[in-house]
Amino acid sequence: MNQDTLKRGAAVLAAITVVVAAGGCSNKAQDSGSSAASGGAGDVQTDIGVEGTTISLGVLTDLTGVFAALGKDITNANTLYWKDNKVCNTYDVTLNVNDTGYVPQTGVQLYSGMKDSILAMQQTIGSPINTALAPEYTADKIVNFPSAWAQTLTEIPGTGVVGATYAVEIANGYDYMFKQGLLADGDTVGHIYFEGEYGANGLAGTQAVAKKRNLTVVEAQIKSTDQDMSAQITQFKAAGVDMVALTVAPAQLASAAAAMQAQGLDVPILGSNPVFAPGLLQGPAAEKIKKDLYVASPVSAFDAHPDLLKEYQAAYPDATPSLGVLVGIGMSEIMKQVLDSACDNGNLTRQGVLDAFNALTKVDTGGVVVPIRGFQAGTSPSLQSFVLQPADVPGGATVVADAFEGEFAADIAG
């Protein structure tokens, strides 16, 4: 398989490899009903989303909603990656980018307008939007990489969660907290979580760990539009919690940290990966966040990938890079591996891309994303997570634990 590396200094991706279960390289179109283009693997069968030597991929991101900061960096990274990479050394990739504002119905409408011109979805942000689009993605045989990690998304054919599911991820975070002496058997944990798949899956991880380690869990479900966490923190303080877990967005983290600071609740915080944005380190709760927040993450941080940081800063000098950059690069590289495999198989139709996706095993992105064992329906694609801690560095966080599989992961991976 041809493996391009990012130009302009992204040497971190040079070591990327993949083992593809389906071998062989086809040089002939296999269906008379589809067109064939002369590509890097010979005559390659195509249908929707390929015009000449240009492949069009869709992006449904959040540029104006609760995950806007994350969405901008992921999308910028997608764009940066495909600027200097070709599929099979032949096909350029263009992105059809649309902003859902994190509203599911908007996502459904926008997909309807783009679906007849794209081969696959490079990014769909948000568990609710991915869930709303599941019937269409399934019917259209769309390969899609969500910027979301809910367990339910692994059940959508062709949807590749980029790392461990939220339940496995936060369980790995608990493993780290126990090992560092920040939590103990029999302790009490307060967990604030969004309603919907994101929050429910994170809470499921907490509940699974609680059962094994005799934790008492104080649950607080909120809407994504709720901004003030004071009442929840008051409830947690009254319950005597030893740790706060958060499966929410950065705005709710900021409010929770400020309330903890104001109320003197001096306990650690464990967050699911979308909870943090580096802009929070300029806010009033910055010191609390730097001191007490630990983030279980599917991606590493820029201290492990300085060349990638330099490349991103050169391309987007006015941006404040977040860890979404690594998510965007990682998911783009996985998409490239899928498309390269489909091209090598002589089939860049939607069905051919779906077949290549289903055949992937042992996906390696050079340490940007946790190792992925493959995309099997109903199971977490990875059992591993990084643990990060906020710091005054580019990207806003440093790695305090490299990718590892915690003691709870395998039991709740599905």
Protein backbone atom coordinates (compact mmCIF):
# COMPACT_ATOMS: atom_id res chain seq x y z
CA MET A 1 0.00 0.00 0.00
CA ASN A 2 1.28 3.44 -0.82
CA GLN A 3 1.88 5.59 2.30
CA ASP A 4 2.29 9.31 1.74
CA THR A 5 3.64 11.43 4.52
CA LEU A 6 2.59 14.95 5.27
CA LYS A 7 4.83 17.49 3.58
CA ARG A 8 6.08 20.63 5.24
CA GLY A 9 7.44 19.02 8.35
CA ALA A 10 4.78 16.64 9.72
CA ALA A 11 7.33 13.88 10.23
CA VAL A 12 5.23 12.45 13.04
CA LEU A 13 3.05 10.68 10.51
CA ALA A 14 5.87 9.10 8.55
CA ALA A 15 5.80 5.90 10.56
CA ILE A 16 2.14 5.20 10.01
CA THR A 17 1.35 1.63 9.02
CA VAL A 18 -1.74 -0.48 8.61
CA VAL A 19 -2.45 -4.18 8.28
CA VAL A 20 -5.28 -4.83 5.87
CA ALA A 21 -7.04 -8.13 6.23
CA ALA A 22 -8.18 -8.21 2.62
CA GLY A 23 -5.13 -8.47 0.39
CA GLY A 24 -4.59 -8.21 -3.32
CA CYS A 25 -4.70 -5.45 -5.87
CA SER A 26 -7.31 -5.41 -8.60
CA ASN A 27 -6.61 -3.70 -11.92
CA LYS A 28 -10.00 -4.14 -13.49
CA ALA A 29 -13.42 -2.59 -12.97
CA GLN A 30 -15.70 -5.25 -11.56
CA ASP A 31 -19.18 -3.86 -12.31
CA SER A 32 -20.18 -2.78 -15.79
CA GLY A 33 -22.58 -0.25 -14.26
CA SER A 34 -19.82 1.94 -12.83
CA SER A 35 -17.13 4.02 -14.45
CA ALA A 36 -13.41 3.28 -14.24
CA ALA A 37 -10.61 5.81 -13.88
CA SER A 38 -6.94 5.27 -14.44
CA GLY A 39 -5.49 5.59 -10.92
CA GLY A 40 -2.42 4.60 -8.96
CA ALA A 41 -3.56 0.98 -8.89
CA GLY A 42 -4.53 0.77 -12.57
CA ASP A 43 -8.16 0.86 -13.70
CA VAL A 44 -10.16 1.79 -10.62
CA GLN A 45 -13.91 1.40 -10.42
CA THR A 46 -15.77 4.50 -9.18
CA ASP A 47 -19.31 5.74 -8.73
CA ILE A 48 -20.45 8.61 -6.43
CA GLY A 49 -18.09 11.34 -5.26
CA VAL A 50 -15.22 10.77 -7.69
CA GLU A 51 -14.78 13.05 -10.69
CA GLY A 52 -11.69 12.35 -12.77
CA THR A 53 -8.86 12.28 -10.23
CA THR A 54 -10.70 14.22 -7.52
CA ILE A 55 -12.45 12.60 -4.57
CA SER A 56 -15.03 14.62 -2.61
CA LEU A 57 -15.54 13.91 1.09
CA GLY A 58 -18.19 15.42 3.33
CA VAL A 59 -17.72 17.24 6.64
CA LEU A 60 -20.56 18.00 9.06
CA THR A 61 -18.90 19.92 11.86
CA ASP A 62 -19.74 22.40 14.60
CA LEU A 63 -18.40 25.90 13.94
CA THR A 64 -20.96 27.88 15.96
CA GLY A 65 -22.38 25.57 18.68
CA VAL A 66 -21.20 24.13 21.99
CA PHE A 67 -18.21 22.37 20.41
CA ALA A 68 -17.24 25.16 18.01
CA ALA A 69 -13.62 25.44 19.17
CA LEU A 70 -13.11 21.70 18.79
CA GLY A 71 -14.93 21.61 15.44
CA LYS A 72 -12.81 24.39 13.94
CA ASP A 73 -9.54 22.69 14.83
CA ILE A 74 -10.66 19.25 13.64
CA THR A 75 -11.85 20.71 10.34
CA ASN A 76 -8.72 22.82 9.87
CA ALA A 77 -6.64 19.70 10.46
CA ASN A 78 -8.71 17.71 7.95
CA THR A 79 -8.10 20.47 5.40
CA LEU A 80 -4.39 20.68 6.19
CA TYR A 81 -3.91 16.94 5.87
CA TRP A 82 -5.58 16.60 2.48
CA LYS A 83 -3.78 19.63 1.06
CA ASP A 84 -0.59 17.58 0.85
CA ASN A 85 -1.82 13.99 0.55
CA LYS A 86 -3.20 12.05 -2.39
CA VAL A 87 -5.02 8.75 -2.49
CA CYS A 88 -2.94 6.14 -4.31
CA ASN A 89 -0.56 8.97 -5.29
CA THR A 90 -3.23 9.92 -7.84
CA TYR A 91 -6.46 11.29 -6.39
CA ASP A 92 -6.74 14.74 -4.82
CA VAL A 93 -9.28 15.07 -2.02
CA THR A 94 -11.62 18.03 -1.58
CA LEU A 95 -13.82 18.60 1.46
CA ASN A 96 -17.45 19.72 1.36
CA VAL A 97 -17.63 21.47 4.76
CA ASN A 98 -20.92 22.39 6.45
CA ASP A 99 -21.70 23.78 9.92
CA THR A 100 -24.48 22.01 11.84
CA GLY A 101 -24.24 24.22 14.94
CA TYR A 102 -24.54 20.92 16.84
CA VAL A 103 -28.24 20.68 15.84
CA PRO A 104 -29.23 17.17 14.63
CA GLN A 105 -32.00 18.29 12.27
CA THR A 106 -29.64 20.78 10.64
CA GLY A 107 -27.15 17.97 10.12
CA VAL A 108 -29.79 15.79 8.47
CA GLN A 109 -30.79 18.61 6.12
CA LEU A 110 -27.21 19.44 5.20
CA TYR A 111 -26.37 15.81 4.49
CA SER A 112 -29.37 15.57 2.18
CA GLY A 113 -27.91 18.41 0.13
CA MET A 114 -24.43 16.90 -0.17
CA LYS A 115 -24.95 13.15 -0.28
CA ASP A 116 -25.16 12.83 -4.07
CA SER A 117 -21.72 14.40 -4.55
CA ILE A 118 -19.53 12.77 -1.88
CA LEU A 119 -17.81 9.40 -1.63
CA ALA A 120 -17.62 9.27 2.19
CA MET A 121 -17.80 11.42 5.32
CA GLN A 122 -14.44 12.59 6.62
CA GLN A 123 -16.05 13.98 9.78
CA THR A 124 -19.44 14.16 11.48
CA ILE A 125 -19.28 15.91 14.84
CA GLY A 126 -21.52 14.98 17.75
CA SER A 127 -23.19 11.77 18.90
CA PRO A 128 -26.74 13.18 18.42
CA ILE A 129 -26.06 14.13 14.80
CA ASN A 130 -24.38 10.83 13.97
CA THR A 131 -27.32 8.99 15.52
CA ALA A 132 -29.84 11.06 13.57
CA LEU A 133 -28.00 10.29 10.33
CA ALA A 134 -27.50 6.57 11.01
CA PRO A 135 -30.36 5.40 8.72
CA GLU A 136 -29.11 7.54 5.83
CA TYR A 137 -25.47 6.55 6.30
CA THR A 138 -26.45 2.89 6.40
CA ALA A 139 -28.67 3.09 3.32
CA ASP A 140 -26.08 5.06 1.35
CA LYS A 141 -23.18 2.73 2.36
CA ILE A 142 -21.28 5.72 3.73
CA VAL A 143 -17.98 5.33 5.53
CA ASN A 144 -17.93 7.99 8.24
CA PHE A 145 -15.50 9.04 10.96
CA PRO A 146 -17.40 10.72 13.77
CA SER A 147 -15.98 13.38 16.06
CA ALA A 148 -17.78 11.49 18.82
CA TRP A 149 -17.08 8.34 20.78
CA ALA A 150 -20.45 6.96 21.94
CA GLN A 151 -20.88 3.18 22.08
CA THR A 152 -24.05 3.40 19.99
CA LEU A 153 -22.08 4.81 17.06
CA THR A 154 -20.06 1.60 16.75
CA GLU A 155 -23.29 -0.13 15.73
CA ILE A 156 -23.69 2.00 12.58
CA PRO A 157 -22.23 0.16 9.56
CA GLY A 158 -19.24 2.03 8.15
CA THR A 159 -18.87 4.38 11.14
CA GLY A 160 -15.37 4.33 12.60
CA VAL A 161 -15.05 5.73 16.12
CA VAL A 162 -11.53 7.17 16.32
CA GLY A 163 -10.39 5.54 19.55
CA ALA A 164 -12.06 4.04 22.59
CA THR A 165 -15.73 4.64 23.31
CA TYR A 166 -16.61 7.09 26.08
CA ALA A 167 -17.32 4.27 28.53
CA VAL A 168 -13.94 2.62 27.95
CA GLU A 169 -12.17 5.97 27.83
CA ILE A 170 -13.44 7.25 31.16
CA ALA A 171 -12.90 3.83 32.72
CA ASN A 172 -9.25 4.11 31.70
CA GLY A 173 -9.26 7.54 33.33
CA TYR A 174 -10.54 5.97 36.56
CA ASP A 175 -7.76 3.40 36.36
CA TYR A 176 -5.22 6.22 36.23
CA MET A 177 -6.86 8.03 39.16
CA PHE A 178 -6.77 4.90 41.31
CA LYS A 179 -3.14 4.21 40.46
CA GLN A 180 -2.13 7.78 41.27
CA GLY A 181 -3.87 7.67 44.64
CA LEU A 182 -6.38 10.33 43.59
CA LEU A 183 -9.32 7.98 44.19
CA ALA A 184 -9.82 4.92 46.41
CA ASP A 185 -12.21 1.99 46.72
CA GLY A 186 -15.43 3.02 48.42
CA ASP A 187 -15.11 6.71 47.54
CA THR A 188 -17.98 8.92 46.33
CA VAL A 189 -17.97 10.41 42.81
CA GLY A 190 -20.24 13.11 41.43
CA HIS A 191 -20.80 12.81 37.66
CA ILE A 192 -22.29 15.65 35.56
CA TYR A 193 -23.25 14.42 32.10
CA PHE A 194 -25.15 15.60 29.01
CA GLU A 195 -28.43 13.94 28.17
CA GLY A 196 -28.07 11.78 25.05
CA GLU A 197 -25.51 9.25 23.83
CA TYR A 198 -22.40 11.21 24.83
CA GLY A 199 -23.39 11.64 28.44
CA ALA A 200 -25.07 8.27 28.81
CA ASN A 201 -22.03 6.38 27.56
CA GLY A 202 -19.68 8.30 29.84
CA LEU A 203 -21.97 7.61 32.79
CA ALA A 204 -22.04 3.92 31.84
CA GLY A 205 -18.27 3.86 32.26
CA THR A 206 -18.54 5.43 35.70
CA GLN A 207 -21.24 2.97 36.72
CA ALA A 208 -19.19 -0.02 35.55
CA VAL A 209 -16.15 1.09 37.54
CA ALA A 210 -18.34 1.91 40.56
CA LYS A 211 -19.67 -1.63 40.61
CA LYS A 212 -16.17 -3.10 40.61
CA ARG A 213 -14.66 -0.69 43.14
CA ASN A 214 -17.66 -0.05 45.41
CA LEU A 215 -17.93 3.63 44.52
CA THR A 216 -21.00 5.70 45.38
CA VAL A 217 -22.10 7.74 42.36
CA VAL A 218 -24.08 10.97 42.59
CA GLU A 219 -25.56 11.53 39.12
CA ALA A 220 -26.46 14.92 37.62
CA GLN A 221 -27.87 14.96 34.09
CA ILE A 222 -27.98 18.29 32.25
CA LYS A 223 -28.88 19.62 28.81
CA SER A 224 -26.14 20.80 26.46
CA THR A 225 -27.66 24.29 26.72
CA ASP A 226 -27.31 24.41 30.52
CA GLN A 227 -24.49 26.76 31.47
CA ASP A 228 -24.47 27.13 35.28
CA MET A 229 -23.17 24.14 37.24
CA SER A 230 -23.41 25.77 40.68
CA ALA A 231 -26.38 23.70 41.82
CA GLN A 232 -24.74 20.45 40.81
CA ILE A 233 -21.52 21.33 42.63
CA THR A 234 -23.51 22.30 45.73
CA GLN A 235 -25.17 18.88 45.57
CA PHE A 236 -21.80 17.16 45.21
CA LYS A 237 -20.26 19.05 48.12
CA ALA A 238 -23.18 18.11 50.35
CA ALA A 239 -22.69 14.46 49.35
CA GLY A 240 -19.01 14.63 50.25
CA VAL A 241 -17.71 13.60 46.84
CA ASP A 242 -14.04 12.62 46.51
CA MET A 243 -13.92 13.32 42.76
CA VAL A 244 -16.00 15.02 40.07
CA ALA A 245 -16.44 13.34 36.68
CA LEU A 246 -17.58 15.36 33.67
CA THR A 247 -19.01 14.20 30.35
CA VAL A 248 -19.93 17.68 29.09
CA ALA A 249 -18.51 20.51 26.95
CA PRO A 250 -15.84 23.11 27.85
CA ALA A 251 -18.38 25.74 28.95
CA GLN A 252 -19.79 23.39 31.60
CA LEU A 253 -16.28 22.45 32.76
CA ALA A 254 -15.47 26.13 33.23
CA SER A 255 -18.63 26.66 35.27
CA ALA A 256 -18.10 23.53 37.36
CA ALA A 257 -14.46 24.42 38.11
CA ALA A 258 -15.41 27.97 39.09
CA ALA A 259 -18.16 26.69 41.37
CA MET A 260 -15.81 24.17 42.98
CA GLN A 261 -13.30 26.95 43.55
CA ALA A 262 -15.93 29.26 45.06
CA GLN A 263 -17.39 26.57 47.29
CA GLY A 264 -14.05 25.15 48.42
CA LEU A 265 -14.61 21.72 46.87
CA ASP A 266 -10.94 20.72 46.60
CA VAL A 267 -11.14 17.37 44.78
CA PRO A 268 -9.80 16.14 41.42
CA ILE A 269 -11.79 16.26 38.20
CA LEU A 270 -11.86 13.52 35.54
CA GLY A 271 -13.12 14.52 32.11
CA SER A 272 -14.16 12.74 28.92
CA ASN A 273 -12.08 13.93 25.97
CA PRO A 274 -14.36 16.70 24.52
CA VAL A 275 -14.59 18.44 27.91
CA PHE A 276 -11.50 20.61 27.57
CA ALA A 277 -10.46 23.51 25.32
CA PRO A 278 -7.23 25.51 25.78
CA GLY A 279 -9.15 28.79 25.88
CA LEU A 280 -10.29 27.83 29.39
CA LEU A 281 -6.77 28.50 30.62
CA GLN A 282 -7.41 32.20 30.05
CA GLY A 283 -10.52 32.15 32.25
CA PRO A 284 -11.13 32.68 35.97
CA ALA A 285 -10.97 28.96 36.80
CA ALA A 286 -7.66 28.38 35.00
CA GLU A 287 -5.64 27.51 38.09
CA LYS A 288 -8.25 25.05 39.35
CA ILE A 289 -8.38 23.38 35.93
CA LYS A 290 -4.58 23.12 35.65
CA LYS A 291 -4.27 21.75 39.18
CA ASP A 292 -7.13 19.26 39.28
CA LEU A 293 -8.33 18.26 35.79
CA TYR A 294 -7.30 14.99 34.14
CA VAL A 295 -8.62 14.19 30.67
CA ALA A 296 -8.93 10.66 29.29
CA SER A 297 -8.20 11.08 25.59
CA PRO A 298 -8.06 9.14 22.30
CA VAL A 299 -5.20 11.36 21.10
CA SER A 300 -1.82 12.45 22.37
CA ALA A 301 -0.70 16.08 22.81
CA PHE A 302 1.65 18.43 21.00
CA ASP A 303 4.53 17.80 23.40
CA ALA A 304 4.76 14.38 21.73
CA HIS A 305 4.29 15.80 18.21
CA PRO A 306 6.12 19.14 17.90
CA ASP A 307 6.45 18.95 14.10
CA LEU A 308 2.69 18.70 13.73
CA LEU A 309 2.26 21.76 15.93
CA LYS A 310 4.72 23.76 13.79
CA GLU A 311 2.90 22.79 10.62
CA TYR A 312 -0.50 23.74 12.03
CA GLN A 313 0.73 27.08 13.36
CA ALA A 314 2.30 27.90 9.99
CA ALA A 315 -0.98 27.14 8.20
CA TYR A 316 -3.27 28.82 10.77
CA PRO A 317 -1.19 31.49 12.53
CA ASP A 318 -4.23 33.16 14.11
CA ALA A 319 -5.65 29.96 15.61
CA THR A 320 -5.18 28.73 19.17
CA PRO A 321 -4.53 25.04 18.50
CA SER A 322 -6.39 22.49 20.60
CA LEU A 323 -6.15 18.73 20.75
CA GLY A 324 -8.80 18.70 18.04
CA VAL A 325 -5.90 19.14 15.63
CA LEU A 326 -4.63 15.68 16.51
CA VAL A 327 -8.14 14.24 16.19
CA GLY A 328 -8.46 15.78 12.73
CA ILE A 329 -5.08 14.55 11.55
CA GLY A 330 -5.64 11.08 12.97
CA MET A 331 -9.08 10.58 11.41
CA SER A 332 -7.79 11.90 8.07
CA GLU A 333 -4.92 9.42 8.10
CA ILE A 334 -7.31 6.56 8.85
CA MET A 335 -9.54 7.68 5.98
CA LYS A 336 -6.50 7.73 3.70
CA GLN A 337 -5.63 4.19 4.71
CA VAL A 338 -9.19 3.10 3.88
CA LEU A 339 -9.19 4.90 0.51
CA ASP A 340 -5.69 3.66 -0.39
CA SER A 341 -6.81 0.10 0.33
CA ALA A 342 -9.96 0.50 -1.75
CA CYS A 343 -7.89 1.97 -4.58
CA ASP A 344 -5.38 -0.88 -4.37
CA ASN A 345 -8.35 -3.23 -4.62
CA GLY A 346 -9.43 -1.41 -7.80
CA ASN A 347 -12.71 -0.28 -6.27
CA LEU A 348 -13.33 3.31 -5.15
CA THR A 349 -17.09 2.93 -5.21
CA ARG A 350 -18.97 3.41 -1.95
CA GLN A 351 -19.25 -0.36 -1.61
CA GLY A 352 -15.55 -0.78 -2.30
CA VAL A 353 -14.66 1.83 0.31
CA LEU A 354 -16.99 0.17 2.82
CA ASP A 355 -15.36 -3.20 2.15
CA ALA A 356 -11.90 -1.71 2.68
CA PHE A 357 -13.08 -0.08 5.92
CA ASN A 358 -14.46 -3.37 7.23
CA ALA A 359 -11.16 -5.13 6.46
CA LEU A 360 -8.92 -2.79 8.48
CA THR A 361 -7.14 -4.22 11.51
CA LYS A 362 -4.33 -2.95 13.72
CA VAL A 363 -4.54 0.65 12.58
CA ASP A 364 -1.47 2.68 13.54
CA THR A 365 -1.31 6.47 13.19
CA GLY A 366 2.19 6.94 14.51
CA GLY A 367 1.09 7.71 18.05
CA VAL A 368 -1.34 10.50 17.15
CA VAL A 369 -4.41 8.34 17.95
CA VAL A 370 -4.48 5.31 20.25
CA PRO A 371 -3.94 1.98 18.44
CA ILE A 372 -7.17 0.78 16.83
CA ARG A 373 -7.80 -2.95 16.61
CA GLY A 374 -10.47 -2.65 13.89
CA PHE A 375 -14.05 -1.56 13.48
CA GLN A 376 -16.36 -4.34 14.64
CA ALA A 377 -20.04 -3.61 15.19
CA GLY A 378 -20.95 -2.96 18.81
CA THR A 379 -17.40 -3.02 20.19
CA SER A 380 -14.95 -0.31 21.18
CA PRO A 381 -12.38 0.08 18.36
CA SER A 382 -9.64 0.54 20.98
CA LEU A 383 -9.09 -0.47 24.58
CA GLN A 384 -6.48 2.23 25.15
CA SER A 385 -6.45 5.89 26.18
CA PHE A 386 -3.98 8.64 26.88
CA VAL A 387 -4.34 10.75 30.02
CA LEU A 388 -3.64 14.46 29.64
CA GLN A 389 -3.42 17.34 32.09
CA PRO A 390 -3.97 21.02 31.21
CA ALA A 391 -0.86 23.20 31.13
CA ASP A 392 0.32 26.51 29.71
CA VAL A 393 1.66 24.96 26.51
CA PRO A 394 0.46 24.96 22.88
CA GLY A 395 -2.68 22.87 22.72
CA GLY A 396 -3.26 23.48 26.41
CA ALA A 397 -2.29 20.03 27.71
CA THR A 398 0.58 17.63 28.21
CA VAL A 399 0.69 13.83 28.27
CA VAL A 400 0.86 12.40 31.80
CA ALA A 401 0.15 8.80 30.70
CA ASP A 402 0.90 7.35 27.27
CA ALA A 403 -1.71 5.15 25.60
CA PHE A 404 -2.57 2.24 27.91
CA GLU A 405 -5.33 -0.29 28.56
CA GLY A 406 -6.73 0.02 32.06
CA GLU A 407 -8.01 -2.86 34.17
CA PHE A 408 -11.68 -2.09 33.45
CA ALA A 409 -11.47 -1.60 29.67
CA ALA A 410 -11.92 -5.12 28.32
CA ASP A 411 -14.96 -5.84 30.48
CA ILE A 412 -16.96 -2.87 29.16
CA ALA A 413 -15.73 -2.68 25.57
CA GLY A 414 -18.76 -4.50 24.13
